[in-house]
Amino acid sequence: MIDNQEVLFFRKELARLLDDYRNCEKPSLKKEISEDISLLSEVIYGDEQHPFSSHTLS
């Protein structure tokens, strides 16, 4: 289980990745960022349906 401090750090990193994703113009890099967003979202939100799953990023 992750503690509150780690969750805060992960959410800040998630926000940075979302900005990177929105500003990225290179499809291959955008795909990698999307995968990172999905993995980090799973860590933060667990198995529940998280708001940044790969199918919501398009």
Protein backbone atom coordinates (compact mmCIF):
# COMPACT_ATOMS: atom_id res chain seq x y z
CA MET A 1 0.00 0.00 0.00
CA ILE A 2 1.30 3.43 -0.85
CA ASP A 3 1.14 6.24 1.66
CA ASN A 4 -0.35 9.72 1.19
CA GLN A 5 3.03 11.31 0.45
CA GLU A 6 3.63 8.85 -2.39
CA VAL A 7 0.14 9.39 -3.78
CA LEU A 8 0.76 13.14 -3.87
CA PHE A 9 4.05 12.63 -5.70
CA PHE A 10 2.45 10.19 -8.18
CA ARG A 11 -0.43 12.57 -8.89
CA LYS A 12 1.99 15.40 -9.63
CA GLU A 13 3.89 13.11 -11.97
CA LEU A 14 0.63 12.03 -13.59
CA ALA A 15 -0.29 15.67 -14.23
CA ARG A 16 3.11 16.25 -15.83
CA LEU A 17 2.69 13.18 -18.04
CA LEU A 18 -0.77 14.34 -19.12
CA ASP A 19 0.68 17.71 -20.14
CA ASP A 20 3.46 15.94 -22.03
CA TYR A 21 0.87 13.75 -23.77
CA ARG A 22 -1.26 16.72 -24.83
CA ASN A 23 1.75 18.61 -26.19
CA CYS A 24 3.46 15.68 -27.89
CA GLU A 25 3.34 15.56 -31.69
CA LYS A 26 5.35 12.38 -32.23
CA PRO A 27 2.99 9.33 -32.32
CA SER A 28 5.55 6.80 -31.07
CA LEU A 29 6.49 8.96 -28.08
CA LYS A 30 2.84 9.75 -27.41
CA LYS A 31 2.15 6.00 -27.21
CA GLU A 32 4.93 5.54 -24.64
CA ILE A 33 3.62 8.44 -22.56
CA SER A 34 0.14 6.92 -22.72
CA GLU A 35 1.49 3.62 -21.39
CA ASP A 36 3.26 5.44 -18.54
CA ILE A 37 0.03 7.28 -17.71
CA SER A 38 -1.88 4.02 -17.63
CA LEU A 39 0.67 2.29 -15.38
CA LEU A 40 0.90 5.21 -12.97
CA SER A 41 -2.90 5.47 -12.85
CA GLU A 42 -3.09 1.80 -11.88
CA VAL A 43 -0.65 2.44 -9.02
CA ILE A 44 -2.68 5.42 -7.77
CA TYR A 45 -6.19 4.09 -8.31
CA GLY A 46 -5.64 0.32 -8.10
CA ASP A 47 -7.81 -2.06 -10.08
CA GLU A 48 -10.82 0.24 -10.09
CA GLN A 49 -11.68 2.02 -13.33
CA HIS A 50 -9.24 4.89 -13.32
CA PRO A 51 -9.92 8.12 -15.20
CA PHE A 52 -6.77 7.90 -17.33
CA SER A 53 -7.00 4.40 -18.73
CA SER A 54 -5.45 3.98 -22.17
CA HIS A 55 -8.84 3.95 -23.91
CA THR A 56 -9.66 7.44 -22.62
CA LEU A 57 -6.49 8.96 -24.09
CA SER A 58 -7.04 9.72 -27.74
